[in-house]
Every structure is written in structure tokens, then in C-alpha cells.
Amino acid sequence: MRRIAIALVMLLVALAAGADEIEVRDVALRSVDEGLALDADFAFELTPRLADVVANGVPLYFRVEFELTRRRWYWFDETAASRQMHLRLSYHALSRQYRLSTGSLQQSFPSLEEALNVLKRVRNWRVVDRSLELSNVEYDAAVRMRLDTTLLPKPFQLSALTSRELHLESPWKRFIVRAPRLAER
């Protein structure tokens, strides 16, 4: 009986720990005129605490990371490309709109759900420039998304050290790209 209780407790802990994880669903790397572009779909829900934090005007910063490496048997792996995209999710009380921004581009949404639907889909993100010379070999590609807690206000950073409610992260989704060819000039 005691073993069953321990197993149930461990199962609940595992479910609670996995509840605040981002899942990388679909990833595609394709050739475009400017180089290679990444399309990715992520699946996650904000914890109630994170939803409350953003609804109270504290912006959340998400980071999407991409790496393209070539394996070498005689030395360390060669990093062919490495890119990061920063996304900022915020709420503006005067307009009662959620705002999603990356760089100088901004888009407003009437609800948190609509803003998250756009945040979860990365499209046409150029991760490899046309000028990069790629060998005709297999490359290992990896992508992940995470909430950047280092950009939260200091009191939330301290809470993030001890609370799982303020963590949201995906493991690296790795896939093999066979001799990516850039579009002809």
C-alpha cells in the first residue's frame, strides 16, 4: 500500500513538473532566396502565475534559439550558424490589448489566447544567411524556446530561483538536415 502511495506522489510530481514545459511540435528548415528559413510550432500554456504577471503589466520575454552544427570526428563539432529571436509579450491596460513584439515589429491582440497563438508559431525566420558557405554533408539542427527569466524585474528573478511557476522552457528539438542547398542566385 505504501509503495502505491509513493508511486502516486511521484506521478503527480512528474506531471506537475512537465506542466510548465514547452513542446516543440513541428520543425521545418527550407531554402528561400535569402538563405535558409525555419518554421516551427510550439505547444504550451502559461501557468496561472505567469498569466497573472503579464495581465498586471509585467512583460514576458521569450527566446527562440537555433543552432546548425556539423559533426567532425577529429575535433569539436563546427557551429555553422547560431541565431536567437527575442519575443516580448506585454499587456497595456489603457487599450486593454496584449502586445507581441520582436525587434521594431509589434502586433496587438484583444486576448491573451490570441497573442499566445501567434507566439507559438514561428514562420519564415531566416536562420542561415545566403552568404554562408555550407558543405555538402549532413548537419545537426536544433531549436528550442524558453521564457527568459533574466529579463524579468528583479523581484520576479528571485522568485524564479525557487518557484517552478515562473519557468517555461523546451528541451532542444534536434533533427538532421541533409546537405541544405540555398536557392540559386
C-alpha atoms as a PDB file:
ATOM      1  CA  MET A   1       0.000   0.000   0.000  1.00  0.00           C
ATOM      2  CA  ARG A   2       2.827   2.369   0.861  1.00  0.00           C
ATOM      3  CA  ARG A   3       4.524   1.701  -2.498  1.00  0.00           C
ATOM      4  CA  ILE A   4       1.341   2.624  -4.337  1.00  0.00           C
ATOM      5  CA  ALA A   5       1.100   5.890  -2.401  1.00  0.00           C
ATOM      6  CA  ILE A   6       4.750   6.712  -3.165  1.00  0.00           C
ATOM      7  CA  ALA A   7       4.217   5.884  -6.847  1.00  0.00           C
ATOM      8  CA  LEU A   8       1.157   8.161  -6.977  1.00  0.00           C
ATOM      9  CA  VAL A   9       3.045  11.010  -5.341  1.00  0.00           C
ATOM     10  CA  MET A  10       5.939  10.595  -7.788  1.00  0.00           C
ATOM     11  CA  LEU A  11       3.493  10.558 -10.709  1.00  0.00           C
ATOM     12  CA  LEU A  12       1.849  13.778  -9.508  1.00  0.00           C
ATOM     13  CA  VAL A  13       5.242  15.443  -9.091  1.00  0.00           C
ATOM     14  CA  ALA A  14       6.261  14.364 -12.603  1.00  0.00           C
ATOM     15  CA  LEU A  15       3.004  15.688 -14.063  1.00  0.00           C
ATOM     16  CA  ALA A  16       3.396  18.981 -12.225  1.00  0.00           C
ATOM     17  CA  ALA A  17       6.994  19.343 -13.408  1.00  0.00           C
ATOM     18  CA  GLY A  18       6.028  18.636 -17.015  1.00  0.00           C
ATOM     19  CA  ALA A  19       3.079  21.009 -16.946  1.00  0.00           C
ATOM     20  CA  ASP A  20       5.274  24.065 -17.423  1.00  0.00           C
ATOM     21  CA  GLU A  21       7.282  22.732 -20.320  1.00  0.00           C
ATOM     22  CA  ILE A  22       7.152  23.894 -23.907  1.00  0.00           C
ATOM     23  CA  GLU A  23       6.796  21.170 -26.515  1.00  0.00           C
ATOM     24  CA  VAL A  24       8.357  21.624 -29.942  1.00  0.00           C
ATOM     25  CA  ARG A  25       5.768  20.111 -32.283  1.00  0.00           C
ATOM     26  CA  ASP A  26       6.766  20.684 -35.902  1.00  0.00           C
ATOM     27  CA  VAL A  27      10.039  21.990 -37.286  1.00  0.00           C
ATOM     28  CA  ALA A  28      10.951  22.595 -40.918  1.00  0.00           C
ATOM     29  CA  LEU A  29      14.053  24.159 -42.425  1.00  0.00           C
ATOM     30  CA  ARG A  30      13.603  25.298 -46.018  1.00  0.00           C
ATOM     31  CA  SER A  31      15.523  27.140 -48.673  1.00  0.00           C
ATOM     32  CA  VAL A  32      14.478  30.718 -49.507  1.00  0.00           C
ATOM     33  CA  ASP A  33      16.071  33.480 -51.598  1.00  0.00           C
ATOM     34  CA  GLU A  34      17.944  34.956 -48.605  1.00  0.00           C
ATOM     35  CA  GLY A  35      19.237  31.628 -47.224  1.00  0.00           C
ATOM     36  CA  LEU A  36      17.509  29.052 -45.003  1.00  0.00           C
ATOM     37  CA  ALA A  37      14.285  29.802 -43.129  1.00  0.00           C
ATOM     38  CA  LEU A  38      12.866  27.991 -40.109  1.00  0.00           C
ATOM     39  CA  ASP A  39       9.196  27.254 -39.448  1.00  0.00           C
ATOM     40  CA  ALA A  40       8.361  25.859 -36.010  1.00  0.00           C
ATOM     41  CA  ASP A  41       5.266  25.182 -33.922  1.00  0.00           C
ATOM     42  CA  PHE A  42       5.390  25.165 -30.137  1.00  0.00           C
ATOM     43  CA  ALA A  43       2.773  23.958 -27.660  1.00  0.00           C
ATOM     44  CA  PHE A  44       2.443  25.349 -24.146  1.00  0.00           C
ATOM     45  CA  GLU A  45       0.147  27.135 -21.752  1.00  0.00           C
ATOM     46  CA  LEU A  46       1.136  29.910 -19.397  1.00  0.00           C
ATOM     47  CA  THR A  47       0.957  28.974 -15.759  1.00  0.00           C
ATOM     48  CA  PRO A  48      -1.721  30.907 -13.832  1.00  0.00           C
ATOM     49  CA  ARG A  49       1.048  32.883 -12.147  1.00  0.00           C
ATOM     50  CA  LEU A  50       2.621  33.901 -15.482  1.00  0.00           C
ATOM     51  CA  ALA A  51      -0.784  34.843 -16.910  1.00  0.00           C
ATOM     52  CA  ASP A  52      -1.386  36.996 -13.826  1.00  0.00           C
ATOM     53  CA  VAL A  53       2.069  38.582 -14.105  1.00  0.00           C
ATOM     54  CA  VAL A  54       1.549  39.630 -17.720  1.00  0.00           C
ATOM     55  CA  ALA A  55      -2.037  40.786 -17.045  1.00  0.00           C
ATOM     56  CA  ASN A  56      -0.642  43.100 -14.352  1.00  0.00           C
ATOM     57  CA  GLY A  57       1.639  44.836 -16.851  1.00  0.00           C
ATOM     58  CA  VAL A  58       4.913  42.958 -16.447  1.00  0.00           C
ATOM     59  CA  PRO A  59       6.267  41.973 -19.886  1.00  0.00           C
ATOM     60  CA  LEU A  60       7.387  38.402 -20.537  1.00  0.00           C
ATOM     61  CA  TYR A  61      10.377  37.809 -22.779  1.00  0.00           C
ATOM     62  CA  PHE A  62      10.649  34.604 -24.773  1.00  0.00           C
ATOM     63  CA  ARG A  63      13.757  33.463 -26.601  1.00  0.00           C
ATOM     64  CA  VAL A  64      13.771  31.113 -29.584  1.00  0.00           C
ATOM     65  CA  GLU A  65      17.214  29.639 -30.236  1.00  0.00           C
ATOM     66  CA  PHE A  66      18.509  27.823 -33.317  1.00  0.00           C
ATOM     67  CA  GLU A  67      21.820  26.062 -33.929  1.00  0.00           C
ATOM     68  CA  LEU A  68      23.196  24.376 -37.043  1.00  0.00           C
ATOM     69  CA  THR A  69      26.307  22.258 -36.442  1.00  0.00           C
ATOM     70  CA  ARG A  70      28.448  19.885 -38.472  1.00  0.00           C
ATOM     71  CA  ARG A  71      29.847  16.812 -36.775  1.00  0.00           C
ATOM     72  CA  ARG A  72      33.581  16.262 -37.021  1.00  0.00           C
ATOM     73  CA  TRP A  73      35.239  13.075 -35.828  1.00  0.00           C
ATOM     74  CA  TYR A  74      38.679  14.648 -35.380  1.00  0.00           C
ATOM     75  CA  TRP A  75      37.755  17.775 -33.433  1.00  0.00           C
ATOM     76  CA  PHE A  76      34.874  19.572 -31.785  1.00  0.00           C
ATOM     77  CA  ASP A  77      31.687  19.984 -33.783  1.00  0.00           C
ATOM     78  CA  GLU A  78      31.687  23.046 -36.039  1.00  0.00           C
ATOM     79  CA  THR A  79      28.904  25.563 -35.436  1.00  0.00           C
ATOM     80  CA  ALA A  80      27.781  26.663 -38.892  1.00  0.00           C
ATOM     81  CA  ALA A  81      25.007  29.007 -37.691  1.00  0.00           C
ATOM     82  CA  SER A  82      23.542  30.152 -34.411  1.00  0.00           C
ATOM     83  CA  ARG A  83      20.584  32.541 -34.117  1.00  0.00           C
ATOM     84  CA  GLN A  84      18.298  33.885 -31.402  1.00  0.00           C
ATOM     85  CA  MET A  85      14.932  35.595 -31.691  1.00  0.00           C
ATOM     86  CA  HIS A  86      13.522  37.604 -28.802  1.00  0.00           C
ATOM     87  CA  LEU A  87       9.762  37.946 -28.406  1.00  0.00           C
ATOM     88  CA  ARG A  88       8.134  40.290 -25.899  1.00  0.00           C
ATOM     89  CA  LEU A  89       4.598  39.671 -24.634  1.00  0.00           C
ATOM     90  CA  SER A  90       3.015  42.536 -22.717  1.00  0.00           C
ATOM     91  CA  TYR A  91      -0.372  43.902 -21.690  1.00  0.00           C
ATOM     92  CA  HIS A  92      -1.396  47.549 -21.997  1.00  0.00           C
ATOM     93  CA  ALA A  93      -4.152  48.441 -19.564  1.00  0.00           C
ATOM     94  CA  LEU A  94      -5.254  51.657 -21.324  1.00  0.00           C
ATOM     95  CA  SER A  95      -6.024  49.936 -24.612  1.00  0.00           C
ATOM     96  CA  ARG A  96      -6.828  46.573 -22.954  1.00  0.00           C
ATOM     97  CA  GLN A  97      -4.696  44.881 -25.575  1.00  0.00           C
ATOM     98  CA  TYR A  98      -1.963  42.284 -25.421  1.00  0.00           C
ATOM     99  CA  ARG A  99       1.053  43.225 -27.481  1.00  0.00           C
ATOM    100  CA  LEU A 100       3.539  40.852 -29.043  1.00  0.00           C
ATOM    101  CA  SER A 101       6.733  42.392 -30.383  1.00  0.00           C
ATOM    102  CA  THR A 102      10.009  41.322 -31.885  1.00  0.00           C
ATOM    103  CA  GLY A 103      12.553  43.989 -32.718  1.00  0.00           C
ATOM    104  CA  SER A 104      10.640  47.009 -34.003  1.00  0.00           C
ATOM    105  CA  LEU A 105       7.633  44.964 -35.164  1.00  0.00           C
ATOM    106  CA  GLN A 106       4.560  44.948 -32.925  1.00  0.00           C
ATOM    107  CA  GLN A 107       1.140  43.368 -33.148  1.00  0.00           C
ATOM    108  CA  SER A 108      -1.821  43.891 -30.818  1.00  0.00           C
ATOM    109  CA  PHE A 109      -4.402  41.307 -29.776  1.00  0.00           C
ATOM    110  CA  PRO A 110      -7.670  41.614 -27.806  1.00  0.00           C
ATOM    111  CA  SER A 111      -6.980  38.478 -25.736  1.00  0.00           C
ATOM    112  CA  LEU A 112      -4.058  36.613 -24.235  1.00  0.00           C
ATOM    113  CA  GLU A 113      -5.116  33.453 -26.073  1.00  0.00           C
ATOM    114  CA  GLU A 114      -4.831  35.147 -29.477  1.00  0.00           C
ATOM    115  CA  ALA A 115      -1.405  36.578 -28.636  1.00  0.00           C
ATOM    116  CA  LEU A 116      -0.181  33.161 -27.467  1.00  0.00           C
ATOM    117  CA  ASN A 117      -1.437  31.511 -30.678  1.00  0.00           C
ATOM    118  CA  VAL A 118       0.852  33.796 -32.694  1.00  0.00           C
ATOM    119  CA  LEU A 119       3.726  33.436 -30.208  1.00  0.00           C
ATOM    120  CA  LYS A 120       3.588  29.641 -30.560  1.00  0.00           C
ATOM    121  CA  ARG A 121       4.139  29.759 -34.329  1.00  0.00           C
ATOM    122  CA  VAL A 122       7.464  30.869 -35.780  1.00  0.00           C
ATOM    123  CA  ARG A 123       7.322  31.372 -39.552  1.00  0.00           C
ATOM    124  CA  ASN A 124       9.894  32.425 -42.163  1.00  0.00           C
ATOM    125  CA  TRP A 125      12.646  33.085 -39.625  1.00  0.00           C
ATOM    126  CA  ARG A 126      15.863  33.349 -41.594  1.00  0.00           C
ATOM    127  CA  VAL A 127      18.423  31.395 -39.616  1.00  0.00           C
ATOM    128  CA  VAL A 128      21.159  30.920 -42.228  1.00  0.00           C
ATOM    129  CA  ASP A 129      22.290  33.737 -44.496  1.00  0.00           C
ATOM    130  CA  ARG A 130      22.844  33.168 -48.180  1.00  0.00           C
ATOM    131  CA  SER A 131      26.474  34.288 -47.833  1.00  0.00           C
ATOM    132  CA  LEU A 132      27.304  31.310 -45.571  1.00  0.00           C
ATOM    133  CA  GLU A 133      29.129  28.537 -47.403  1.00  0.00           C
ATOM    134  CA  LEU A 134      27.723  25.154 -46.379  1.00  0.00           C
ATOM    135  CA  SER A 135      29.438  21.863 -47.219  1.00  0.00           C
ATOM    136  CA  ASN A 136      27.572  19.090 -48.970  1.00  0.00           C
ATOM    137  CA  VAL A 137      27.263  16.987 -45.776  1.00  0.00           C
ATOM    138  CA  GLU A 138      24.753  16.264 -43.019  1.00  0.00           C
ATOM    139  CA  TYR A 139      24.186  18.966 -40.417  1.00  0.00           C
ATOM    140  CA  ASP A 140      22.616  18.681 -36.990  1.00  0.00           C
ATOM    141  CA  ALA A 141      19.986  21.337 -36.419  1.00  0.00           C
ATOM    142  CA  ALA A 142      18.424  22.180 -33.050  1.00  0.00           C
ATOM    143  CA  VAL A 143      15.712  24.579 -31.932  1.00  0.00           C
ATOM    144  CA  ARG A 144      14.156  25.469 -28.593  1.00  0.00           C
ATOM    145  CA  MET A 145      12.007  28.145 -26.925  1.00  0.00           C
ATOM    146  CA  ARG A 146      12.185  29.409 -23.374  1.00  0.00           C
ATOM    147  CA  LEU A 147      10.982  32.158 -21.108  1.00  0.00           C
ATOM    148  CA  ASP A 148      13.947  34.415 -20.413  1.00  0.00           C
ATOM    149  CA  THR A 149      13.710  34.949 -16.658  1.00  0.00           C
ATOM    150  CA  THR A 150      16.858  37.114 -16.658  1.00  0.00           C
ATOM    151  CA  LEU A 151      14.827  39.925 -18.254  1.00  0.00           C
ATOM    152  CA  LEU A 152      12.085  39.858 -15.628  1.00  0.00           C
ATOM    153  CA  PRO A 153      12.119  42.540 -12.889  1.00  0.00           C
ATOM    154  CA  LYS A 154      14.460  41.671 -10.012  1.00  0.00           C
ATOM    155  CA  PRO A 155      11.759  40.540  -7.531  1.00  0.00           C
ATOM    156  CA  PHE A 156      10.478  38.033 -10.109  1.00  0.00           C
ATOM    157  CA  GLN A 157      14.010  36.865 -10.855  1.00  0.00           C
ATOM    158  CA  LEU A 158      14.415  35.997  -7.167  1.00  0.00           C
ATOM    159  CA  SER A 159      11.072  34.164  -7.183  1.00  0.00           C
ATOM    160  CA  ALA A 160      12.099  32.301 -10.341  1.00  0.00           C
ATOM    161  CA  LEU A 161      15.039  30.790  -8.459  1.00  0.00           C
ATOM    162  CA  THR A 162      12.715  28.919  -6.108  1.00  0.00           C
ATOM    163  CA  SER A 163       9.402  28.655  -7.974  1.00  0.00           C
ATOM    164  CA  ARG A 164       8.610  26.387 -10.943  1.00  0.00           C
ATOM    165  CA  GLU A 165       5.628  28.645 -11.744  1.00  0.00           C
ATOM    166  CA  LEU A 166       7.951  31.165 -13.397  1.00  0.00           C
ATOM    167  CA  HIS A 167       9.826  28.661 -15.576  1.00  0.00           C
ATOM    168  CA  LEU A 168       8.790  27.760 -19.078  1.00  0.00           C
ATOM    169  CA  GLU A 169      11.278  26.015 -21.340  1.00  0.00           C
ATOM    170  CA  SER A 170      11.514  23.387 -24.049  1.00  0.00           C
ATOM    171  CA  PRO A 171      14.291  20.870 -24.451  1.00  0.00           C
ATOM    172  CA  TRP A 172      16.351  21.128 -27.634  1.00  0.00           C
ATOM    173  CA  LYS A 173      14.497  19.573 -30.571  1.00  0.00           C
ATOM    174  CA  ARG A 174      17.244  18.047 -32.701  1.00  0.00           C
ATOM    175  CA  PHE A 175      16.921  16.964 -36.305  1.00  0.00           C
ATOM    176  CA  ILE A 176      19.251  16.176 -39.186  1.00  0.00           C
ATOM    177  CA  VAL A 177      19.444  18.379 -42.255  1.00  0.00           C
ATOM    178  CA  ARG A 178      20.912  16.671 -45.275  1.00  0.00           C
ATOM    179  CA  ALA A 179      23.133  18.994 -47.342  1.00  0.00           C
ATOM    180  CA  PRO A 180      20.976  22.134 -47.216  1.00  0.00           C
ATOM    181  CA  ARG A 181      21.003  23.841 -50.575  1.00  0.00           C
ATOM    182  CA  LEU A 182      20.432  27.544 -50.768  1.00  0.00           C
ATOM    183  CA  ALA A 183      18.204  28.867 -53.541  1.00  0.00           C
ATOM    184  CA  GLU A 184      20.029  29.675 -56.769  1.00  0.00           C
ATOM    185  CA  ARG A 185      21.013  33.302 -57.206  1.00  0.00           C
END
